[in-house]
Amino acid sequence: MSDRLSVFKTYKLYVGGKFPRSESGRVYEVTDSKGNWLANAPLSSRKDARDAVVAARKAFGGWAGATAYNRGQILYRVAEMLEGRKTQFVREVAEAEGLSKSKAADQVDATIDRWVWYAGWTDKIAQVIGGANPVAGPYFNLSSPEPTGVVTVLAPQESSFLGLVSVVAPVIATGNTAIVIASEKAPLPALSLGEVLATSDVPGGVVNILSGRTAELAAPLAAHQDVNAIDLAGADDVLAKELEIAAADNLKRVLRPQPVDEAGWSATPGIDRMTAFLETKTVWHPTGSLGASGSSY
């Protein structure tokens, strides 16, 4: 028999491109579907949430200002990294959701495909929802989408990886930065995603991942004056209503919890989650004449 001691993994938060422990020093036990202990996860505090907002705001200018094509390249790199760590995520998803290894592998494959799908949209969404508007006058009238800003995302509670990516990827694909509150009962795939993001080309602060009590973290973020929007995917009806009221104080965009059909998070997502966190900028410009013919452009 080997007398080697196992090296247990210490899960940490992912904030500003770094891996801090919670400033509170607190952790909580994460168990599998049968109640067996898996790991201790950081129990984030309100201070951690405020630090995540600072990091997300600092990263916003550079990420929003990057070309859409460049964002797509960076997100595709994340998919490459996820593919390389598939075995780890299959194990974590199986333990988190009580799935067989084969079903967990299907979930992980679907998650990676979902990430690639959103990576491909970065330089196409503007063509779909922007364009030239017909106006009665000698003007160009052009509308183009721009990111809303810092977005808080409450990850789905039951779908620890596919649901997580389905709500995070559209936020950052469109140039926003995100503060993610991981599933309270199954946070480990989300915390491992932070390790993937850190070793890819995603700038620090674009995605910040917190674990802990969803209601405890969501309340200060919903009321935070420097958070521009919130996705309530992981909130129950009571919490969602409370957060909507708090978010109204600075007119945050709010994406209410959406019903999940029989296909669950595996269903084709569409573009609704991207357009939910985009603003439309419209520019007017006078037309002019070209040469002696008087033709206009």
Foldseek 3Di string as FASTA:
>chain_A
DDPDDDDADDFAWAAQLDGDAAPVPDWDFAFFPVRHTDYTYHAHAQVLLVRLLVLQQVCQVVLQPDALLVQLVQLLQLLVLLVVCLVVQLVLQCRHQVDDSVVSSVLSVLQSVLSNVLSVCSNPPQVVPWAWDDDDAQKTKTKGKGFQEEEEEEFAQNRQGLSRSLQLNLNSSRRYAYEYEGRANRPVVVSVSSVSSSPTPNGGSSYTYDYHDPLNNLQCQLQDLSHAAYEPQHPDPVSQVNSVVNNPVNDHQYHYHDDADPCGSSPDDPNVSNVSGIDMDMDMDGWAADPPVRDID
